[in-house]
PDB file of N, CA and C in Angstrom:
ATOM      1  N   UNK A   1      27.202  -9.233  15.241  1.00  0.00           N
ATOM      2  CA  UNK A   1      26.298  -9.427  14.254  1.00  0.00           C
ATOM      3  C   UNK A   1      26.442  -7.983  13.068  1.00  0.00           C
ATOM      4  N   UNK A   2      26.774  -8.365  12.052  1.00  0.00           N
ATOM      5  CA  UNK A   2      26.529  -7.002  11.108  1.00  0.00           C
ATOM      6  C   UNK A   2      25.186  -6.509  10.789  1.00  0.00           C
ATOM      7  N   UNK A   3      25.413  -5.001  10.401  1.00  0.00           N
ATOM      8  CA  UNK A   3      23.827  -4.650   9.904  1.00  0.00           C
ATOM      9  C   UNK A   3      23.968  -4.529   8.704  1.00  0.00           C
ATOM     10  N   UNK A   4      22.680  -4.815   7.697  1.00  0.00           N
ATOM     11  CA  UNK A   4      22.468  -4.953   6.449  1.00  0.00           C
ATOM     12  C   UNK A   4      21.599  -3.571   6.270  1.00  0.00           C
ATOM     13  N   UNK A   5      22.028  -3.294   5.586  1.00  0.00           N
ATOM     14  CA  UNK A   5      21.239  -2.322   4.675  1.00  0.00           C
ATOM     15  C   UNK A   5      19.738  -2.324   4.460  1.00  0.00           C
ATOM     16  N   UNK A   6      19.082  -1.080   4.754  1.00  0.00           N
ATOM     17  CA  UNK A   6      17.496  -1.051   4.710  1.00  0.00           C
ATOM     18  C   UNK A   6      17.166  -1.559   3.305  1.00  0.00           C
ATOM     19  N   UNK A   7      17.724  -1.449   2.139  1.00  0.00           N
ATOM     20  CA  UNK A   7      17.193  -2.418   0.910  1.00  0.00           C
ATOM     21  C   UNK A   7      17.160  -3.452   0.757  1.00  0.00           C
ATOM     22  N   UNK A   8      18.330  -3.932   1.577  1.00  0.00           N
ATOM     23  CA  UNK A   8      18.298  -5.513   1.578  1.00  0.00           C
ATOM     24  C   UNK A   8      17.362  -6.256   2.716  1.00  0.00           C
ATOM     25  N   UNK A   9      16.974  -5.415   3.533  1.00  0.00           N
ATOM     26  CA  UNK A   9      15.978  -6.073   4.864  1.00  0.00           C
ATOM     27  C   UNK A   9      14.733  -5.913   4.418  1.00  0.00           C
ATOM     28  N   UNK A  10      14.639  -4.857   3.224  1.00  0.00           N
ATOM     29  CA  UNK A  10      12.833  -4.386   2.825  1.00  0.00           C
ATOM     30  C   UNK A  10      13.105  -4.270   1.347  1.00  0.00           C
ATOM     31  N   UNK A  11      13.406  -5.182   0.592  1.00  0.00           N
ATOM     32  CA  UNK A  11      13.530  -5.024  -0.761  1.00  0.00           C
ATOM     33  C   UNK A  11      12.424  -4.836  -1.892  1.00  0.00           C
ATOM     34  N   UNK A  12      12.620  -3.942  -2.827  1.00  0.00           N
ATOM     35  CA  UNK A  12      11.467  -3.280  -3.484  1.00  0.00           C
ATOM     36  C   UNK A  12      10.663  -4.564  -3.928  1.00  0.00           C
ATOM     37  N   UNK A  13       9.636  -4.654  -4.179  1.00  0.00           N
ATOM     38  CA  UNK A  13       8.794  -6.117  -4.864  1.00  0.00           C
ATOM     39  C   UNK A  13       8.382  -5.004  -6.038  1.00  0.00           C
ATOM     40  N   UNK A  14       9.018  -5.931  -7.060  1.00  0.00           N
ATOM     41  CA  UNK A  14       8.691  -5.367  -8.435  1.00  0.00           C
ATOM     42  C   UNK A  14       7.158  -6.020  -9.019  1.00  0.00           C
ATOM     43  N   UNK A  15       6.412  -6.783  -8.094  1.00  0.00           N
ATOM     44  CA  UNK A  15       5.286  -7.558  -9.029  1.00  0.00           C
ATOM     45  C   UNK A  15       4.092  -6.757  -9.254  1.00  0.00           C
ATOM     46  N   UNK A  16       3.272  -7.069 -10.223  1.00  0.00           N
ATOM     47  CA  UNK A  16       2.343  -6.091 -10.292  1.00  0.00           C
ATOM     48  C   UNK A  16       1.322  -5.835  -9.261  1.00  0.00           C
ATOM     49  N   UNK A  17       1.390  -7.304  -8.829  1.00  0.00           N
ATOM     50  CA  UNK A  17       0.174  -7.282  -7.669  1.00  0.00           C
ATOM     51  C   UNK A  17       0.547  -6.010  -6.119  1.00  0.00           C
ATOM     52  N   UNK A  18       1.888  -6.493  -5.894  1.00  0.00           N
ATOM     53  CA  UNK A  18       2.729  -5.382  -4.923  1.00  0.00           C
ATOM     54  C   UNK A  18       2.405  -3.820  -5.420  1.00  0.00           C
ATOM     55  N   UNK A  19       2.533  -3.416  -7.004  1.00  0.00           N
ATOM     56  CA  UNK A  19       2.713  -2.308  -7.043  1.00  0.00           C
ATOM     57  C   UNK A  19       1.223  -1.965  -6.898  1.00  0.00           C
ATOM     58  N   UNK A  20       0.306  -2.726  -7.395  1.00  0.00           N
ATOM     59  CA  UNK A  20      -1.134  -2.126  -7.101  1.00  0.00           C
ATOM     60  C   UNK A  20      -1.666  -2.149  -5.905  1.00  0.00           C
ATOM     61  N   UNK A  21      -1.227  -3.142  -4.969  1.00  0.00           N
ATOM     62  CA  UNK A  21      -1.488  -2.543  -3.503  1.00  0.00           C
ATOM     63  C   UNK A  21      -1.054  -1.416  -2.856  1.00  0.00           C
ATOM     64  N   UNK A  22       0.480  -0.958  -3.240  1.00  0.00           N
ATOM     65  CA  UNK A  22       1.053   0.008  -2.654  1.00  0.00           C
ATOM     66  C   UNK A  22       0.300   0.913  -2.964  1.00  0.00           C
ATOM     67  N   UNK A  23      -0.029   1.165  -4.283  1.00  0.00           N
ATOM     68  CA  UNK A  23      -1.167   2.424  -4.986  1.00  0.00           C
ATOM     69  C   UNK A  23      -1.987   2.463  -4.736  1.00  0.00           C
ATOM     70  N   UNK A  24      -2.832   1.494  -4.577  1.00  0.00           N
ATOM     71  CA  UNK A  24      -4.370   1.484  -4.007  1.00  0.00           C
ATOM     72  C   UNK A  24      -4.249   1.963  -2.480  1.00  0.00           C
ATOM     73  N   UNK A  25      -3.459   1.407  -1.578  1.00  0.00           N
ATOM     74  CA  UNK A  25      -3.372   1.968  -0.457  1.00  0.00           C
ATOM     75  C   UNK A  25      -2.957   3.380   0.301  1.00  0.00           C
ATOM     76  N   UNK A  26      -2.324   3.838  -0.964  1.00  0.00           N
ATOM     77  CA  UNK A  26      -2.127   5.279  -0.568  1.00  0.00           C
ATOM     78  C   UNK A  26      -2.902   5.939  -1.316  1.00  0.00           C
ATOM     79  N   UNK A  27      -3.761   5.799  -2.522  1.00  0.00           N
ATOM     80  CA  UNK A  27      -4.513   6.406  -2.891  1.00  0.00           C
ATOM     81  C   UNK A  27      -5.890   6.606  -2.140  1.00  0.00           C
ATOM     82  N   UNK A  28      -6.157   5.385  -1.491  1.00  0.00           N
ATOM     83  CA  UNK A  28      -7.323   5.262  -0.728  1.00  0.00           C
ATOM     84  C   UNK A  28      -7.143   5.920   0.954  1.00  0.00           C
ATOM     85  N   UNK A  29      -6.367   5.970   0.943  1.00  0.00           N
ATOM     86  CA  UNK A  29      -5.963   6.728   2.048  1.00  0.00           C
ATOM     87  C   UNK A  29      -6.092   7.972   1.970  1.00  0.00           C
ATOM     88  N   UNK A  30      -5.069   8.612   0.974  1.00  0.00           N
ATOM     89  CA  UNK A  30      -5.256  10.039   0.861  1.00  0.00           C
ATOM     90  C   UNK A  30      -6.715  10.632   0.419  1.00  0.00           C
ATOM     91  N   UNK A  31      -7.543   9.628  -0.298  1.00  0.00           N
ATOM     92  CA  UNK A  31      -8.975  10.120  -0.784  1.00  0.00           C
ATOM     93  C   UNK A  31      -9.555  10.321   0.661  1.00  0.00           C
ATOM     94  N   UNK A  32      -9.423   9.876   2.240  1.00  0.00           N
ATOM     95  CA  UNK A  32     -10.097   9.921   3.043  1.00  0.00           C
ATOM     96  C   UNK A  32      -9.176  11.089   3.624  1.00  0.00           C
ATOM     97  N   UNK A  33      -8.033  12.240   3.474  1.00  0.00           N
ATOM     98  CA  UNK A  33      -7.702  12.943   3.948  1.00  0.00           C
ATOM     99  C   UNK A  33      -6.814  12.608   5.133  1.00  0.00           C
ATOM    100  N   UNK A  34      -6.399  11.133   5.280  1.00  0.00           N
ATOM    101  CA  UNK A  34      -5.677  10.558   6.295  1.00  0.00           C
ATOM    102  C   UNK A  34      -4.204  10.416   6.349  1.00  0.00           C
ATOM    103  N   UNK A  35      -3.323  10.660   7.358  1.00  0.00           N
ATOM    104  CA  UNK A  35      -1.825  10.414   7.218  1.00  0.00           C
ATOM    105  C   UNK A  35      -1.769   9.161   7.419  1.00  0.00           C
ATOM    106  N   UNK A  36      -0.473   8.517   7.226  1.00  0.00           N
ATOM    107  CA  UNK A  36       0.050   7.403   7.578  1.00  0.00           C
ATOM    108  C   UNK A  36      -0.286   6.954   8.854  1.00  0.00           C
ATOM    109  N   UNK A  37      -0.379   7.865   9.738  1.00  0.00           N
ATOM    110  CA  UNK A  37      -0.669   7.916  10.831  1.00  0.00           C
ATOM    111  C   UNK A  37      -1.571   7.328  11.472  1.00  0.00           C
ATOM    112  N   UNK A  38      -2.506   8.142  10.634  1.00  0.00           N
ATOM    113  CA  UNK A  38      -3.992   8.054  10.977  1.00  0.00           C
ATOM    114  C   UNK A  38      -4.504   6.660  10.890  1.00  0.00           C
ATOM    115  N   UNK A  39      -4.057   6.173   9.298  1.00  0.00           N
ATOM    116  CA  UNK A  39      -4.231   4.808   9.204  1.00  0.00           C
ATOM    117  C   UNK A  39      -3.748   3.853   9.610  1.00  0.00           C
ATOM    118  N   UNK A  40      -2.485   3.957  10.334  1.00  0.00           N
ATOM    119  CA  UNK A  40      -1.642   3.091  11.448  1.00  0.00           C
ATOM    120  C   UNK A  40      -2.460   3.035  12.678  1.00  0.00           C
ATOM    121  N   UNK A  41      -3.145   4.181  13.310  1.00  0.00           N
ATOM    122  CA  UNK A  41      -3.935   3.931  14.328  1.00  0.00           C
ATOM    123  C   UNK A  41      -5.118   3.219  14.030  1.00  0.00           C
ATOM    124  N   UNK A  42      -5.702   3.399  13.056  1.00  0.00           N
ATOM    125  CA  UNK A  42      -6.885   2.653  12.598  1.00  0.00           C
ATOM    126  C   UNK A  42      -6.985   1.258  12.711  1.00  0.00           C
ATOM    127  N   UNK A  43      -5.903   0.647  12.215  1.00  0.00           N
ATOM    128  CA  UNK A  43      -5.132  -0.669  12.146  1.00  0.00           C
ATOM    129  C   UNK A  43      -4.568  -1.285  13.302  1.00  0.00           C
ATOM    130  N   UNK A  44      -3.892  -0.475  13.922  1.00  0.00           N
ATOM    131  CA  UNK A  44      -3.055  -0.753  15.386  1.00  0.00           C
ATOM    132  C   UNK A  44      -1.796  -1.202  14.871  1.00  0.00           C
ATOM    133  N   UNK A  45      -1.287  -0.723  14.037  1.00  0.00           N
ATOM    134  CA  UNK A  45       0.197  -1.266  13.392  1.00  0.00           C
ATOM    135  C   UNK A  45       1.100  -0.164  13.762  1.00  0.00           C
ATOM    136  N   UNK A  46       2.319   0.349  13.418  1.00  0.00           N
ATOM    137  CA  UNK A  46       2.997   1.159  13.405  1.00  0.00           C
ATOM    138  C   UNK A  46       2.975   1.752  12.171  1.00  0.00           C
ATOM    139  N   UNK A  47       3.218   3.083  12.119  1.00  0.00           N
ATOM    140  CA  UNK A  47       3.032   3.945  10.926  1.00  0.00           C
ATOM    141  C   UNK A  47       4.683   3.551   9.727  1.00  0.00           C
ATOM    142  N   UNK A  48       5.376   2.944  10.046  1.00  0.00           N
ATOM    143  CA  UNK A  48       6.482   2.519   9.220  1.00  0.00           C
ATOM    144  C   UNK A  48       6.052   1.492   8.485  1.00  0.00           C
ATOM    145  N   UNK A  49       4.800   0.387   9.191  1.00  0.00           N
ATOM    146  CA  UNK A  49       4.540  -0.887   8.258  1.00  0.00           C
ATOM    147  C   UNK A  49       3.694  -0.281   7.181  1.00  0.00           C
ATOM    148  N   UNK A  50       2.989   0.755   7.484  1.00  0.00           N
ATOM    149  CA  UNK A  50       1.698   1.577   6.452  1.00  0.00           C
ATOM    150  C   UNK A  50       3.192   1.946   5.487  1.00  0.00           C
ATOM    151  N   UNK A  51       4.030   2.922   5.826  1.00  0.00           N
ATOM    152  CA  UNK A  51       5.059   3.458   4.789  1.00  0.00           C
ATOM    153  C   UNK A  51       5.403   2.233   4.051  1.00  0.00           C
ATOM    154  N   UNK A  52       5.741   0.849   4.429  1.00  0.00           N
ATOM    155  CA  UNK A  52       6.710  -0.036   3.911  1.00  0.00           C
ATOM    156  C   UNK A  52       5.609  -0.724   2.761  1.00  0.00           C
ATOM    157  N   UNK A  53       4.243  -0.846   3.288  1.00  0.00           N
ATOM    158  CA  UNK A  53       3.258  -1.293   2.220  1.00  0.00           C
ATOM    159  C   UNK A  53       3.031   0.042   1.433  1.00  0.00           C
ATOM    160  N   UNK A  54       2.994   1.146   1.502  1.00  0.00           N
ATOM    161  CA  UNK A  54       2.803   2.173   0.364  1.00  0.00           C
ATOM    162  C   UNK A  54       3.904   2.411  -0.863  1.00  0.00           C
ATOM    163  N   UNK A  55       5.428   1.614  -0.241  1.00  0.00           N
ATOM    164  CA  UNK A  55       6.455   1.655  -0.765  1.00  0.00           C
ATOM    165  C   UNK A  55       6.992   0.563  -1.615  1.00  0.00           C
ATOM    166  N   UNK A  56       5.787  -0.691  -1.432  1.00  0.00           N
ATOM    167  CA  UNK A  56       6.251  -1.625  -2.064  1.00  0.00           C
ATOM    168  C   UNK A  56       7.142  -2.475  -1.673  1.00  0.00           C
ATOM    169  N   UNK A  57       7.460  -2.436  -0.588  1.00  0.00           N
ATOM    170  CA  UNK A  57       9.092  -3.147   0.347  1.00  0.00           C
ATOM    171  C   UNK A  57       8.300  -4.120   1.417  1.00  0.00           C
ATOM    172  N   UNK A  58       6.941  -3.960   1.535  1.00  0.00           N
ATOM    173  CA  UNK A  58       6.354  -5.050   2.599  1.00  0.00           C
ATOM    174  C   UNK A  58       5.536  -6.306   2.088  1.00  0.00           C
ATOM    175  N   UNK A  59       5.343  -7.364   3.024  1.00  0.00           N
ATOM    176  CA  UNK A  59       4.738  -8.580   2.182  1.00  0.00           C
ATOM    177  C   UNK A  59       3.957  -8.785   3.455  1.00  0.00           C
ATOM    178  N   UNK A  60       2.561  -7.822   3.531  1.00  0.00           N
ATOM    179  CA  UNK A  60       1.918  -7.731   4.803  1.00  0.00           C
ATOM    180  C   UNK A  60       1.040  -9.313   4.928  1.00  0.00           C
ATOM    181  N   UNK A  61       0.865  -9.575   5.965  1.00  0.00           N
ATOM    182  CA  UNK A  61      -0.107 -10.892   6.003  1.00  0.00           C
ATOM    183  C   UNK A  61      -1.632 -10.413   5.913  1.00  0.00           C
ATOM    184  N   UNK A  62      -2.394 -11.589   5.564  1.00  0.00           N
ATOM    185  CA  UNK A  62      -3.972 -11.517   5.234  1.00  0.00           C
ATOM    186  C   UNK A  62      -4.376 -10.412   6.076  1.00  0.00           C
ATOM    187  N   UNK A  63      -4.206 -10.987   7.514  1.00  0.00           N
ATOM    188  CA  UNK A  63      -4.968 -10.352   8.760  1.00  0.00           C
ATOM    189  C   UNK A  63      -4.538  -8.586   8.571  1.00  0.00           C
ATOM    190  N   UNK A  64      -2.949  -8.586   8.430  1.00  0.00           N
ATOM    191  CA  UNK A  64      -2.982  -6.853   8.247  1.00  0.00           C
ATOM    192  C   UNK A  64      -3.985  -6.415   7.047  1.00  0.00           C
ATOM    193  N   UNK A  65      -3.936  -6.882   6.051  1.00  0.00           N
ATOM    194  CA  UNK A  65      -4.514  -6.722   4.903  1.00  0.00           C
ATOM    195  C   UNK A  65      -6.200  -6.831   4.680  1.00  0.00           C
ATOM    196  N   UNK A  66      -6.939  -7.503   5.672  1.00  0.00           N
ATOM    197  CA  UNK A  66      -8.046  -7.661   5.875  1.00  0.00           C
ATOM    198  C   UNK A  66      -8.175  -6.047   6.718  1.00  0.00           C
ATOM    199  N   UNK A  67      -7.450  -5.943   7.783  1.00  0.00           N
ATOM    200  CA  UNK A  67      -7.513  -4.728   8.613  1.00  0.00           C
ATOM    201  C   UNK A  67      -7.455  -3.152   8.149  1.00  0.00           C
ATOM    202  N   UNK A  68      -6.246  -3.245   6.655  1.00  0.00           N
ATOM    203  CA  UNK A  68      -6.541  -2.390   6.425  1.00  0.00           C
ATOM    204  C   UNK A  68      -7.939  -2.092   5.837  1.00  0.00           C
ATOM    205  N   UNK A  69      -8.357  -2.993   4.672  1.00  0.00           N
ATOM    206  CA  UNK A  69      -9.451  -3.136   3.931  1.00  0.00           C
ATOM    207  C   UNK A  69     -10.681  -2.388   4.804  1.00  0.00           C
ATOM    208  N   UNK A  70     -10.702  -2.868   5.884  1.00  0.00           N
ATOM    209  CA  UNK A  70     -11.530  -2.453   7.128  1.00  0.00           C
ATOM    210  C   UNK A  70     -11.996  -0.944   7.321  1.00  0.00           C
ATOM    211  N   UNK A  71     -10.697  -0.759   7.769  1.00  0.00           N
ATOM    212  CA  UNK A  71     -10.137   0.982   8.147  1.00  0.00           C
ATOM    213  C   UNK A  71     -10.660   1.678   7.014  1.00  0.00           C
ATOM    214  N   UNK A  72     -10.329   1.308   5.629  1.00  0.00           N
ATOM    215  CA  UNK A  72     -10.284   2.226   4.609  1.00  0.00           C
ATOM    216  C   UNK A  72     -12.101   2.230   3.951  1.00  0.00           C
ATOM    217  N   UNK A  73     -12.604   0.989   4.929  1.00  0.00           N
ATOM    218  CA  UNK A  73     -14.191   0.982   4.316  1.00  0.00           C
ATOM    219  C   UNK A  73     -14.094   0.265   2.371  1.00  0.00           C
ATOM    220  N   UNK A  74     -13.275  -0.467   2.358  1.00  0.00           N
ATOM    221  CA  UNK A  74     -13.737  -0.812   1.191  1.00  0.00           C
ATOM    222  C   UNK A  74     -13.508  -2.676   1.307  1.00  0.00           C
ATOM    223  N   UNK A  75     -13.976  -3.100  -0.277  1.00  0.00           N
ATOM    224  CA  UNK A  75     -13.742  -4.671  -0.090  1.00  0.00           C
ATOM    225  C   UNK A  75     -12.185  -5.093  -0.240  1.00  0.00           C
ATOM    226  N   UNK A  76     -11.919  -6.104   0.440  1.00  0.00           N
ATOM    227  CA  UNK A  76     -10.760  -6.584   0.231  1.00  0.00           C
ATOM    228  C   UNK A  76     -10.161  -6.382  -0.751  1.00  0.00           C
ATOM    229  N   UNK A  77     -10.513  -6.900  -1.993  1.00  0.00           N
ATOM    230  CA  UNK A  77     -10.351  -7.068  -3.324  1.00  0.00           C
ATOM    231  C   UNK A  77      -9.657  -5.540  -3.799  1.00  0.00           C
ATOM    232  N   UNK A  78     -10.412  -4.605  -3.302  1.00  0.00           N
ATOM    233  CA  UNK A  78     -10.099  -3.417  -4.030  1.00  0.00           C
ATOM    234  C   UNK A  78      -8.606  -3.011  -3.795  1.00  0.00           C
ATOM    235  N   UNK A  79      -8.241  -3.574  -2.806  1.00  0.00           N
ATOM    236  CA  UNK A  79      -6.676  -3.295  -2.337  1.00  0.00           C
ATOM    237  C   UNK A  79      -5.847  -3.658  -3.652  1.00  0.00           C
ATOM    238  N   UNK A  80      -6.338  -4.595  -4.456  1.00  0.00           N
ATOM    239  CA  UNK A  80      -5.275  -5.228  -5.773  1.00  0.00           C
ATOM    240  C   UNK A  80      -5.942  -5.007  -6.717  1.00  0.00           C
ATOM    241  N   UNK A  81      -7.156  -4.171  -6.799  1.00  0.00           N
ATOM    242  CA  UNK A  81      -7.376  -3.340  -8.821  1.00  0.00           C
ATOM    243  C   UNK A  81      -5.994  -3.053  -9.301  1.00  0.00           C
ATOM    244  N   UNK A  82      -6.159  -3.365 -10.325  1.00  0.00           N
ATOM    245  CA  UNK A  82      -5.255  -2.776 -11.451  1.00  0.00           C
ATOM    246  C   UNK A  82      -5.964  -1.166 -11.533  1.00  0.00           C
ATOM    247  N   UNK A  83      -4.675  -0.249 -11.237  1.00  0.00           N
ATOM    248  CA  UNK A  83      -5.097   0.985 -11.873  1.00  0.00           C
ATOM    249  C   UNK A  83      -5.686   1.209 -13.144  1.00  0.00           C
ATOM    250  N   UNK A  84      -6.689   2.234 -13.291  1.00  0.00           N
ATOM    251  CA  UNK A  84      -7.284   2.522 -14.417  1.00  0.00           C
ATOM    252  C   UNK A  84      -6.221   3.056 -15.329  1.00  0.00           C
ATOM    253  N   UNK A  85      -6.122   2.645 -16.956  1.00  0.00           N
ATOM    254  CA  UNK A  85      -5.091   3.099 -17.814  1.00  0.00           C
ATOM    255  C   UNK A  85      -5.798   4.660 -18.001  1.00  0.00           C
ATOM    256  N   UNK A  86      -4.862   5.208 -18.414  1.00  0.00           N
ATOM    257  CA  UNK A  86      -4.961   7.064 -18.639  1.00  0.00           C
ATOM    258  C   UNK A  86      -5.085   6.661 -20.300  1.00  0.00           C
ATOM    259  N   UNK A  87      -6.103   7.168 -20.990  1.00  0.00           N
ATOM    260  CA  UNK A  87      -5.641   7.305 -22.546  1.00  0.00           C
ATOM    261  C   UNK A  87      -5.214   8.362 -22.999  1.00  0.00           C
ATOM    262  N   UNK A  88      -4.573   8.792 -23.794  1.00  0.00           N
ATOM    263  CA  UNK A  88      -3.592   9.702 -24.332  1.00  0.00           C
ATOM    264  C   UNK A  88      -4.719  10.056 -25.246  1.00  0.00           C
ATOM    265  N   UNK A  89      -5.388  11.350 -25.550  1.00  0.00           N
ATOM    266  CA  UNK A  89      -5.978  11.902 -26.189  1.00  0.00           C
ATOM    267  C   UNK A  89      -4.864  11.647 -27.918  1.00  0.00           C
ATOM    268  N   UNK A  90      -5.971  11.097 -29.053  1.00  0.00           N
ATOM    269  CA  UNK A  90      -5.353  11.526 -30.149  1.00  0.00           C
ATOM    270  C   UNK A  90      -5.084  12.771 -31.099  1.00  0.00           C
ATOM    271  N   UNK A  91      -3.851  12.766 -31.247  1.00  0.00           N
ATOM    272  CA  UNK A  91      -3.666  14.010 -32.217  1.00  0.00           C
ATOM    273  C   UNK A  91      -4.732  13.941 -33.536  1.00  0.00           C
ATOM    274  N   UNK A  92      -4.846  15.365 -33.853  1.00  0.00           N
ATOM    275  CA  UNK A  92      -5.870  15.609 -34.658  1.00  0.00           C
ATOM    276  C   UNK A  92      -5.229  16.131 -35.727  1.00  0.00           C
TER     277      UNK A  92
END
């Protein structure tokens, strides 16, 4: 059986929802001062699974997302919140 490349096995997901999930999991984890290993231990998954989620290359189950939300002590929906837009100051 021929091996496929990483990008073929775990393609980047370019949807807005996937990007928001990736950014929010990373931000919430870092706000707590946790490593990917810490979050993985709290959710009882492999660190690689957390990495794939944070890099927009995973399609996690609802149960995994519930576990992540619980570990991060946030509402499930917060994992999908669109990031706040940064406003540029107007030139004066």
